[in-house]
PDB file of N, CA and C in Angstrom:
ATOM      1  N   UNK A   1       4.689   9.274  -4.049  1.00  0.00           N
ATOM      2  CA  UNK A   1       3.639   8.012  -4.007  1.00  0.00           C
ATOM      3  C   UNK A   1       3.951   7.434  -4.782  1.00  0.00           C
ATOM      4  N   UNK A   2       3.814   6.082  -4.867  1.00  0.00           N
ATOM      5  CA  UNK A   2       3.568   4.898  -5.992  1.00  0.00           C
ATOM      6  C   UNK A   2       1.995   4.133  -5.745  1.00  0.00           C
ATOM      7  N   UNK A   3       1.544   4.307  -6.855  1.00  0.00           N
ATOM      8  CA  UNK A   3       0.111   3.558  -6.994  1.00  0.00           C
ATOM      9  C   UNK A   3       0.682   2.622  -8.081  1.00  0.00           C
ATOM     10  N   UNK A   4       0.522   1.276  -7.659  1.00  0.00           N
ATOM     11  CA  UNK A   4       0.746   0.030  -8.859  1.00  0.00           C
ATOM     12  C   UNK A   4       0.121  -1.045  -8.428  1.00  0.00           C
ATOM     13  N   UNK A   5       0.442  -1.916  -9.353  1.00  0.00           N
ATOM     14  CA  UNK A   5      -0.358  -3.613  -9.299  1.00  0.00           C
ATOM     15  C   UNK A   5       0.513  -4.143  -8.593  1.00  0.00           C
ATOM     16  N   UNK A   6       0.313  -5.330  -7.750  1.00  0.00           N
ATOM     17  CA  UNK A   6       1.001  -6.340  -7.413  1.00  0.00           C
ATOM     18  C   UNK A   6       1.617  -7.634  -8.014  1.00  0.00           C
ATOM     19  N   UNK A   7       0.930  -7.536  -9.240  1.00  0.00           N
ATOM     20  CA  UNK A   7       1.134  -8.830  -9.889  1.00  0.00           C
ATOM     21  C   UNK A   7       0.267  -8.581 -10.993  1.00  0.00           C
ATOM     22  N   UNK A   8       0.330  -9.414 -12.272  1.00  0.00           N
ATOM     23  CA  UNK A   8       0.089  -9.369 -13.535  1.00  0.00           C
ATOM     24  C   UNK A   8      -0.603 -10.696 -13.685  1.00  0.00           C
ATOM     25  N   UNK A   9      -1.767 -11.037 -14.281  1.00  0.00           N
ATOM     26  CA  UNK A   9      -2.606 -12.591 -14.620  1.00  0.00           C
ATOM     27  C   UNK A   9      -2.346 -12.315 -16.160  1.00  0.00           C
ATOM     28  N   UNK A  10      -2.084 -13.737 -16.503  1.00  0.00           N
ATOM     29  CA  UNK A  10      -2.078 -14.032 -17.837  1.00  0.00           C
ATOM     30  C   UNK A  10      -3.135 -15.099 -18.379  1.00  0.00           C
ATOM     31  N   UNK A  11      -3.179 -15.626 -19.265  1.00  0.00           N
ATOM     32  CA  UNK A  11      -4.083 -16.454 -20.197  1.00  0.00           C
ATOM     33  C   UNK A  11      -3.246 -17.765 -20.240  1.00  0.00           C
ATOM     34  N   UNK A  12      -4.192 -18.724 -20.676  1.00  0.00           N
ATOM     35  CA  UNK A  12      -3.006 -20.155 -21.150  1.00  0.00           C
ATOM     36  C   UNK A  12      -1.804 -19.929 -21.728  1.00  0.00           C
ATOM     37  N   UNK A  13      -1.977 -18.834 -23.055  1.00  0.00           N
ATOM     38  CA  UNK A  13      -1.006 -18.452 -24.062  1.00  0.00           C
ATOM     39  C   UNK A  13       0.218 -17.773 -23.417  1.00  0.00           C
ATOM     40  N   UNK A  14      -0.055 -17.621 -22.318  1.00  0.00           N
ATOM     41  CA  UNK A  14       0.788 -16.529 -21.213  1.00  0.00           C
ATOM     42  C   UNK A  14       0.891 -15.194 -22.064  1.00  0.00           C
ATOM     43  N   UNK A  15      -0.622 -14.793 -22.614  1.00  0.00           N
ATOM     44  CA  UNK A  15      -0.236 -13.422 -22.805  1.00  0.00           C
ATOM     45  C   UNK A  15      -1.136 -12.813 -21.617  1.00  0.00           C
ATOM     46  N   UNK A  16      -0.558 -11.221 -21.325  1.00  0.00           N
ATOM     47  CA  UNK A  16      -1.287 -10.575 -20.057  1.00  0.00           C
ATOM     48  C   UNK A  16      -2.559 -10.217 -20.430  1.00  0.00           C
ATOM     49  N   UNK A  17      -3.503 -10.396 -19.180  1.00  0.00           N
ATOM     50  CA  UNK A  17      -4.935  -9.775 -19.344  1.00  0.00           C
ATOM     51  C   UNK A  17      -5.140  -8.779 -19.257  1.00  0.00           C
ATOM     52  N   UNK A  18      -6.121  -8.109 -19.771  1.00  0.00           N
ATOM     53  CA  UNK A  18      -6.465  -6.514 -19.400  1.00  0.00           C
ATOM     54  C   UNK A  18      -7.559  -6.758 -18.575  1.00  0.00           C
ATOM     55  N   UNK A  19      -6.921  -6.681 -17.231  1.00  0.00           N
ATOM     56  CA  UNK A  19      -8.082  -6.586 -16.100  1.00  0.00           C
ATOM     57  C   UNK A  19      -7.548  -5.624 -14.898  1.00  0.00           C
ATOM     58  N   UNK A  20      -8.336  -4.842 -14.312  1.00  0.00           N
ATOM     59  CA  UNK A  20      -8.104  -3.722 -13.571  1.00  0.00           C
ATOM     60  C   UNK A  20      -6.976  -4.785 -12.541  1.00  0.00           C
ATOM     61  N   UNK A  21      -5.947  -3.780 -12.137  1.00  0.00           N
ATOM     62  CA  UNK A  21      -5.135  -4.067 -11.265  1.00  0.00           C
ATOM     63  C   UNK A  21      -4.360  -3.039 -10.504  1.00  0.00           C
ATOM     64  N   UNK A  22      -4.927  -1.959 -10.524  1.00  0.00           N
ATOM     65  CA  UNK A  22      -4.303  -0.525  -9.826  1.00  0.00           C
ATOM     66  C   UNK A  22      -5.309  -0.183  -9.026  1.00  0.00           C
ATOM     67  N   UNK A  23      -5.186   0.626  -7.801  1.00  0.00           N
ATOM     68  CA  UNK A  23      -5.782   1.021  -6.625  1.00  0.00           C
ATOM     69  C   UNK A  23      -6.887   1.858  -7.261  1.00  0.00           C
ATOM     70  N   UNK A  24      -8.023   2.072  -6.312  1.00  0.00           N
ATOM     71  CA  UNK A  24      -9.000   3.235  -6.323  1.00  0.00           C
ATOM     72  C   UNK A  24      -8.904   3.930  -5.307  1.00  0.00           C
ATOM     73  N   UNK A  25      -8.804   5.231  -5.441  1.00  0.00           N
ATOM     74  CA  UNK A  25      -8.669   6.144  -4.548  1.00  0.00           C
ATOM     75  C   UNK A  25      -9.993   7.302  -4.622  1.00  0.00           C
ATOM     76  N   UNK A  26     -10.906   6.898  -3.383  1.00  0.00           N
ATOM     77  CA  UNK A  26     -11.871   7.707  -3.688  1.00  0.00           C
ATOM     78  C   UNK A  26     -11.963   9.450  -3.249  1.00  0.00           C
ATOM     79  N   UNK A  27     -12.831  10.140  -3.213  1.00  0.00           N
ATOM     80  CA  UNK A  27     -12.544  11.552  -2.919  1.00  0.00           C
ATOM     81  C   UNK A  27     -11.972  11.905  -1.569  1.00  0.00           C
ATOM     82  N   UNK A  28     -11.372  12.952  -1.581  1.00  0.00           N
ATOM     83  CA  UNK A  28     -10.594  13.637  -0.551  1.00  0.00           C
ATOM     84  C   UNK A  28      -9.724  12.721   0.582  1.00  0.00           C
ATOM     85  N   UNK A  29      -9.119  12.027  -0.209  1.00  0.00           N
ATOM     86  CA  UNK A  29      -7.988  11.415   0.465  1.00  0.00           C
ATOM     87  C   UNK A  29      -6.704  12.098   0.408  1.00  0.00           C
ATOM     88  N   UNK A  30      -5.969  11.879   1.661  1.00  0.00           N
ATOM     89  CA  UNK A  30      -4.901  12.698   1.294  1.00  0.00           C
ATOM     90  C   UNK A  30      -3.426  11.377   1.344  1.00  0.00           C
ATOM     91  N   UNK A  31      -2.670  11.301   0.680  1.00  0.00           N
ATOM     92  CA  UNK A  31      -1.750  10.704   0.868  1.00  0.00           C
ATOM     93  C   UNK A  31      -0.166  11.402   0.651  1.00  0.00           C
ATOM     94  N   UNK A  32       0.619  10.867   1.840  1.00  0.00           N
ATOM     95  CA  UNK A  32       2.031  11.424   2.201  1.00  0.00           C
ATOM     96  C   UNK A  32       2.863  11.084   1.435  1.00  0.00           C
ATOM     97  N   UNK A  33       4.076  11.601   1.275  1.00  0.00           N
ATOM     98  CA  UNK A  33       5.128  11.128   0.335  1.00  0.00           C
ATOM     99  C   UNK A  33       5.625   9.729   0.731  1.00  0.00           C
ATOM    100  N   UNK A  34       6.364   8.833  -0.155  1.00  0.00           N
ATOM    101  CA  UNK A  34       6.623   7.391  -0.150  1.00  0.00           C
ATOM    102  C   UNK A  34       5.842   6.810   0.141  1.00  0.00           C
ATOM    103  N   UNK A  35       4.728   6.935   0.254  1.00  0.00           N
ATOM    104  CA  UNK A  35       3.461   5.963   0.560  1.00  0.00           C
ATOM    105  C   UNK A  35       3.304   5.002  -0.478  1.00  0.00           C
ATOM    106  N   UNK A  36       3.063   3.698  -0.596  1.00  0.00           N
ATOM    107  CA  UNK A  36       2.876   3.069  -1.879  1.00  0.00           C
ATOM    108  C   UNK A  36       1.498   2.254  -1.591  1.00  0.00           C
ATOM    109  N   UNK A  37       0.643   2.373  -2.318  1.00  0.00           N
ATOM    110  CA  UNK A  37      -0.339   1.865  -2.258  1.00  0.00           C
ATOM    111  C   UNK A  37      -0.743   0.684  -3.760  1.00  0.00           C
ATOM    112  N   UNK A  38      -0.521  -0.552  -3.245  1.00  0.00           N
ATOM    113  CA  UNK A  38      -0.179  -1.655  -4.325  1.00  0.00           C
ATOM    114  C   UNK A  38      -1.554  -2.597  -4.581  1.00  0.00           C
ATOM    115  N   UNK A  39      -2.022  -2.868  -5.554  1.00  0.00           N
ATOM    116  CA  UNK A  39      -3.002  -3.860  -6.092  1.00  0.00           C
ATOM    117  C   UNK A  39      -4.481  -3.154  -6.003  1.00  0.00           C
ATOM    118  N   UNK A  40      -5.422  -3.985  -6.386  1.00  0.00           N
ATOM    119  CA  UNK A  40      -6.662  -3.611  -6.728  1.00  0.00           C
ATOM    120  C   UNK A  40      -7.214  -3.394  -5.594  1.00  0.00           C
ATOM    121  N   UNK A  41      -7.237  -2.267  -4.692  1.00  0.00           N
ATOM    122  CA  UNK A  41      -7.752  -2.233  -3.502  1.00  0.00           C
ATOM    123  C   UNK A  41      -8.657  -0.856  -3.713  1.00  0.00           C
ATOM    124  N   UNK A  42      -9.183  -0.474  -2.430  1.00  0.00           N
ATOM    125  CA  UNK A  42     -10.216   0.842  -2.529  1.00  0.00           C
ATOM    126  C   UNK A  42      -9.626   1.446  -1.271  1.00  0.00           C
ATOM    127  N   UNK A  43      -9.088   2.782  -1.542  1.00  0.00           N
ATOM    128  CA  UNK A  43      -8.564   3.745  -0.335  1.00  0.00           C
ATOM    129  C   UNK A  43     -10.048   4.644  -0.050  1.00  0.00           C
ATOM    130  N   UNK A  44     -10.876   4.489   0.699  1.00  0.00           N
ATOM    131  CA  UNK A  44     -11.958   5.032   1.030  1.00  0.00           C
ATOM    132  C   UNK A  44     -11.844   6.620   1.469  1.00  0.00           C
ATOM    133  N   UNK A  45     -12.902   7.132   0.789  1.00  0.00           N
ATOM    134  CA  UNK A  45     -13.234   8.813   1.068  1.00  0.00           C
ATOM    135  C   UNK A  45     -12.628   8.857   2.209  1.00  0.00           C
ATOM    136  N   UNK A  46     -12.285  10.661   2.165  1.00  0.00           N
ATOM    137  CA  UNK A  46     -11.929  11.218   3.625  1.00  0.00           C
ATOM    138  C   UNK A  46     -10.711  10.454   4.725  1.00  0.00           C
ATOM    139  N   UNK A  47      -9.872   9.452   3.639  1.00  0.00           N
ATOM    140  CA  UNK A  47      -8.639   8.843   4.638  1.00  0.00           C
ATOM    141  C   UNK A  47      -7.511   9.604   4.432  1.00  0.00           C
ATOM    142  N   UNK A  48      -6.749   9.203   5.512  1.00  0.00           N
ATOM    143  CA  UNK A  48      -5.457   9.898   5.406  1.00  0.00           C
ATOM    144  C   UNK A  48      -4.480   9.037   5.345  1.00  0.00           C
ATOM    145  N   UNK A  49      -3.173   8.597   4.224  1.00  0.00           N
ATOM    146  CA  UNK A  49      -2.182   7.677   4.379  1.00  0.00           C
ATOM    147  C   UNK A  49      -0.987   8.143   4.470  1.00  0.00           C
ATOM    148  N   UNK A  50      -0.317   7.881   5.766  1.00  0.00           N
ATOM    149  CA  UNK A  50       0.677   8.555   6.145  1.00  0.00           C
ATOM    150  C   UNK A  50       1.961   8.182   5.364  1.00  0.00           C
ATOM    151  N   UNK A  51       3.334   8.819   5.629  1.00  0.00           N
ATOM    152  CA  UNK A  51       4.444   8.756   4.792  1.00  0.00           C
ATOM    153  C   UNK A  51       5.023   7.468   5.014  1.00  0.00           C
ATOM    154  N   UNK A  52       5.728   6.962   3.974  1.00  0.00           N
ATOM    155  CA  UNK A  52       6.585   5.721   3.838  1.00  0.00           C
ATOM    156  C   UNK A  52       5.511   4.782   4.522  1.00  0.00           C
ATOM    157  N   UNK A  53       4.699   4.152   4.110  1.00  0.00           N
ATOM    158  CA  UNK A  53       3.386   3.366   4.365  1.00  0.00           C
ATOM    159  C   UNK A  53       3.589   2.294   3.135  1.00  0.00           C
ATOM    160  N   UNK A  54       3.241   1.227   3.524  1.00  0.00           N
ATOM    161  CA  UNK A  54       2.605   0.339   2.139  1.00  0.00           C
ATOM    162  C   UNK A  54       1.288  -0.376   2.447  1.00  0.00           C
ATOM    163  N   UNK A  55       0.412   0.280   1.512  1.00  0.00           N
ATOM    164  CA  UNK A  55      -1.088  -0.242   1.720  1.00  0.00           C
ATOM    165  C   UNK A  55      -1.081  -1.462   0.531  1.00  0.00           C
ATOM    166  N   UNK A  56      -1.811  -2.538   1.062  1.00  0.00           N
ATOM    167  CA  UNK A  56      -1.848  -4.011   0.069  1.00  0.00           C
ATOM    168  C   UNK A  56      -3.497  -4.179   0.397  1.00  0.00           C
ATOM    169  N   UNK A  57      -4.171  -3.499   1.261  1.00  0.00           N
ATOM    170  CA  UNK A  57      -5.589  -4.091   1.833  1.00  0.00           C
ATOM    171  C   UNK A  57      -6.610  -2.881   1.622  1.00  0.00           C
ATOM    172  N   UNK A  58      -7.819  -3.190   1.238  1.00  0.00           N
ATOM    173  CA  UNK A  58      -8.646  -2.236   1.322  1.00  0.00           C
ATOM    174  C   UNK A  58      -8.935  -1.215   2.673  1.00  0.00           C
ATOM    175  N   UNK A  59      -9.032   0.222   2.620  1.00  0.00           N
ATOM    176  CA  UNK A  59      -8.709   0.934   3.948  1.00  0.00           C
ATOM    177  C   UNK A  59     -10.378   1.596   3.606  1.00  0.00           C
ATOM    178  N   UNK A  60     -10.987   1.341   4.848  1.00  0.00           N
ATOM    179  CA  UNK A  60     -12.578   1.786   4.721  1.00  0.00           C
ATOM    180  C   UNK A  60     -12.695   3.485   4.971  1.00  0.00           C
ATOM    181  N   UNK A  61     -13.728   4.028   4.583  1.00  0.00           N
ATOM    182  CA  UNK A  61     -13.873   5.451   4.398  1.00  0.00           C
ATOM    183  C   UNK A  61     -13.344   6.150   6.286  1.00  0.00           C
ATOM    184  N   UNK A  62     -13.035   7.407   6.161  1.00  0.00           N
ATOM    185  CA  UNK A  62     -12.513   8.338   7.369  1.00  0.00           C
ATOM    186  C   UNK A  62     -11.587   7.448   7.886  1.00  0.00           C
ATOM    187  N   UNK A  63     -10.556   6.568   7.357  1.00  0.00           N
ATOM    188  CA  UNK A  63      -9.330   5.815   8.091  1.00  0.00           C
ATOM    189  C   UNK A  63      -8.194   6.787   8.203  1.00  0.00           C
ATOM    190  N   UNK A  64      -7.282   6.291   8.910  1.00  0.00           N
ATOM    191  CA  UNK A  64      -6.045   6.903   8.952  1.00  0.00           C
ATOM    192  C   UNK A  64      -5.039   5.727   9.397  1.00  0.00           C
ATOM    193  N   UNK A  65      -3.815   5.751   8.256  1.00  0.00           N
ATOM    194  CA  UNK A  65      -3.330   4.725   8.113  1.00  0.00           C
ATOM    195  C   UNK A  65      -1.881   5.310   8.372  1.00  0.00           C
ATOM    196  N   UNK A  66      -1.028   4.985   9.357  1.00  0.00           N
ATOM    197  CA  UNK A  66       0.129   5.802   9.964  1.00  0.00           C
ATOM    198  C   UNK A  66       0.910   4.612  10.510  1.00  0.00           C
ATOM    199  N   UNK A  67       2.322   5.123  10.345  1.00  0.00           N
ATOM    200  CA  UNK A  67       3.193   4.425  10.884  1.00  0.00           C
ATOM    201  C   UNK A  67       3.448   4.036  12.129  1.00  0.00           C
ATOM    202  N   UNK A  68       3.675   3.268  13.053  1.00  0.00           N
ATOM    203  CA  UNK A  68       3.784   3.273  14.781  1.00  0.00           C
ATOM    204  C   UNK A  68       5.172   3.971  14.986  1.00  0.00           C
ATOM    205  N   UNK A  69       5.390   4.339  16.068  1.00  0.00           N
ATOM    206  CA  UNK A  69       6.784   4.806  16.508  1.00  0.00           C
ATOM    207  C   UNK A  69       7.698   3.816  16.775  1.00  0.00           C
ATOM    208  N   UNK A  70       8.902   4.455  16.175  1.00  0.00           N
ATOM    209  CA  UNK A  70      10.178   3.851  15.709  1.00  0.00           C
ATOM    210  C   UNK A  70      10.311   2.512  17.149  1.00  0.00           C
ATOM    211  N   UNK A  71      10.969   1.690  16.994  1.00  0.00           N
ATOM    212  CA  UNK A  71      11.487   0.786  18.135  1.00  0.00           C
ATOM    213  C   UNK A  71      12.895   0.599  17.949  1.00  0.00           C
ATOM    214  N   UNK A  72      13.733   1.400  19.078  1.00  0.00           N
ATOM    215  CA  UNK A  72      14.949   0.993  18.891  1.00  0.00           C
ATOM    216  C   UNK A  72      15.373  -0.199  19.692  1.00  0.00           C
ATOM    217  N   UNK A  73      16.067  -1.083  19.069  1.00  0.00           N
ATOM    218  CA  UNK A  73      16.464  -2.682  19.818  1.00  0.00           C
ATOM    219  C   UNK A  73      18.044  -2.409  19.609  1.00  0.00           C
ATOM    220  N   UNK A  74      18.572  -2.858  20.823  1.00  0.00           N
ATOM    221  CA  UNK A  74      20.039  -3.108  20.710  1.00  0.00           C
ATOM    222  C   UNK A  74      20.479  -4.527  20.678  1.00  0.00           C
ATOM    223  N   UNK A  75      21.775  -4.839  20.048  1.00  0.00           N
ATOM    224  CA  UNK A  75      22.046  -6.255  19.830  1.00  0.00           C
ATOM    225  C   UNK A  75      23.518  -6.407  20.316  1.00  0.00           C
ATOM    226  N   UNK A  76      24.039  -7.351  20.825  1.00  0.00           N
ATOM    227  CA  UNK A  76      25.255  -7.152  21.402  1.00  0.00           C
ATOM    228  C   UNK A  76      25.846  -8.457  20.452  1.00  0.00           C
ATOM    229  N   UNK A  77      26.879  -8.136  20.108  1.00  0.00           N
ATOM    230  CA  UNK A  77      27.943  -9.725  19.439  1.00  0.00           C
ATOM    231  C   UNK A  77      26.800 -10.158  18.626  1.00  0.00           C
ATOM    232  N   UNK A  78      26.309  -9.615  17.654  1.00  0.00           N
ATOM    233  CA  UNK A  78      25.334 -10.028  16.593  1.00  0.00           C
ATOM    234  C   UNK A  78      24.085 -10.906  16.948  1.00  0.00           C
ATOM    235  N   UNK A  79      23.830 -11.200  18.127  1.00  0.00           N
ATOM    236  CA  UNK A  79      23.052 -11.831  18.578  1.00  0.00           C
ATOM    237  C   UNK A  79      21.216 -11.209  18.300  1.00  0.00           C
ATOM    238  N   UNK A  80      20.570 -11.995  17.809  1.00  0.00           N
ATOM    239  CA  UNK A  80      18.976 -11.221  17.177  1.00  0.00           C
ATOM    240  C   UNK A  80      19.210 -11.026  15.978  1.00  0.00           C
ATOM    241  N   UNK A  81      20.049 -10.518  15.168  1.00  0.00           N
ATOM    242  CA  UNK A  81      19.942 -10.652  13.782  1.00  0.00           C
ATOM    243  C   UNK A  81      19.927 -11.397  12.922  1.00  0.00           C
TER     244      UNK A  81
END
Protein backbone atom coordinates (compact mmCIF):
# COMPACT_ATOMS: atom_id res chain seq x y z
CA UNK A 1 0.00 0.00 0.00
CA UNK A 2 1.09 3.58 -0.59
CA UNK A 3 0.32 6.55 1.65
CA UNK A 4 1.51 9.75 0.02
CA UNK A 5 0.94 13.30 -1.09
CA UNK A 6 -0.53 14.43 -4.41
CA UNK A 7 1.50 17.63 -4.70
CA UNK A 8 3.83 20.02 -2.91
CA UNK A 9 3.16 23.69 -2.12
CA UNK A 10 5.86 26.33 -2.47
CA UNK A 11 6.26 29.89 -1.21
CA UNK A 12 7.03 32.90 -3.46
CA UNK A 13 10.78 32.13 -3.28
CA UNK A 14 10.27 28.54 -4.45
CA UNK A 15 10.85 26.94 -1.04
CA UNK A 16 8.66 23.95 -0.22
CA UNK A 17 6.16 24.77 2.55
CA UNK A 18 5.98 22.54 5.59
CA UNK A 19 2.23 21.82 5.47
CA UNK A 20 0.48 18.48 6.09
CA UNK A 21 -0.04 16.65 2.80
CA UNK A 22 -0.35 12.95 3.70
CA UNK A 23 -3.56 11.05 4.55
CA UNK A 24 -5.04 10.53 8.00
CA UNK A 25 -6.03 6.92 8.66
CA UNK A 26 -8.43 6.60 11.59
CA UNK A 27 -8.75 3.58 13.91
CA UNK A 28 -9.72 0.08 12.76
CA UNK A 29 -9.19 0.72 9.05
CA UNK A 30 -8.21 -2.24 6.86
CA UNK A 31 -6.19 -1.46 3.73
CA UNK A 32 -5.46 -4.27 1.27
CA UNK A 33 -2.39 -4.67 -0.94
CA UNK A 34 -1.59 -2.28 -3.78
CA UNK A 35 -4.00 0.39 -2.52
CA UNK A 36 -2.80 3.99 -2.94
CA UNK A 37 -4.19 6.64 -0.59
CA UNK A 38 -3.01 10.07 -1.69
CA UNK A 39 -3.37 13.64 -0.44
CA UNK A 40 -4.49 15.24 2.82
CA UNK A 41 -7.65 13.18 3.14
CA UNK A 42 -9.22 11.25 6.01
CA UNK A 43 -10.13 7.59 5.90
CA UNK A 44 -12.89 7.17 8.49
CA UNK A 45 -12.79 4.59 11.27
CA UNK A 46 -13.90 1.01 10.65
CA UNK A 47 -13.52 1.39 6.86
CA UNK A 48 -12.14 -1.12 4.37
CA UNK A 49 -10.05 -0.07 1.36
CA UNK A 50 -9.80 -2.88 -1.20
CA UNK A 51 -6.72 -3.88 -3.16
CA UNK A 52 -5.58 -2.03 -6.30
CA UNK A 53 -7.60 1.09 -5.43
CA UNK A 54 -6.55 4.73 -5.77
CA UNK A 55 -8.26 6.93 -3.14
CA UNK A 56 -7.91 10.72 -3.42
CA UNK A 57 -11.04 11.84 -1.54
CA UNK A 58 -12.29 11.61 2.07
CA UNK A 59 -13.92 8.33 3.04
CA UNK A 60 -16.74 8.33 5.62
CA UNK A 61 -16.55 6.03 8.66
CA UNK A 62 -17.81 2.46 8.15
CA UNK A 63 -17.25 2.66 4.37
CA UNK A 64 -16.14 -0.04 1.97
CA UNK A 65 -14.17 1.09 -1.09
CA UNK A 66 -13.58 -1.66 -3.64
CA UNK A 67 -13.08 -2.24 -7.34
CA UNK A 68 -16.00 -2.87 -9.57
CA UNK A 69 -16.09 -6.15 -11.40
CA UNK A 70 -13.80 -6.26 -14.42
CA UNK A 71 -15.47 -5.41 -17.71
CA UNK A 72 -14.32 -7.35 -20.77
CA UNK A 73 -14.48 -5.45 -24.05
CA UNK A 74 -13.72 -6.67 -27.56
CA UNK A 75 -12.28 -4.45 -30.26
CA UNK A 76 -12.08 -5.39 -33.89
CA UNK A 77 -9.58 -3.88 -36.28
CA UNK A 78 -8.30 -1.42 -33.67
CA UNK A 79 -11.67 0.31 -33.36
CA UNK A 80 -12.47 1.79 -29.98
CA UNK A 81 -8.89 2.05 -28.76
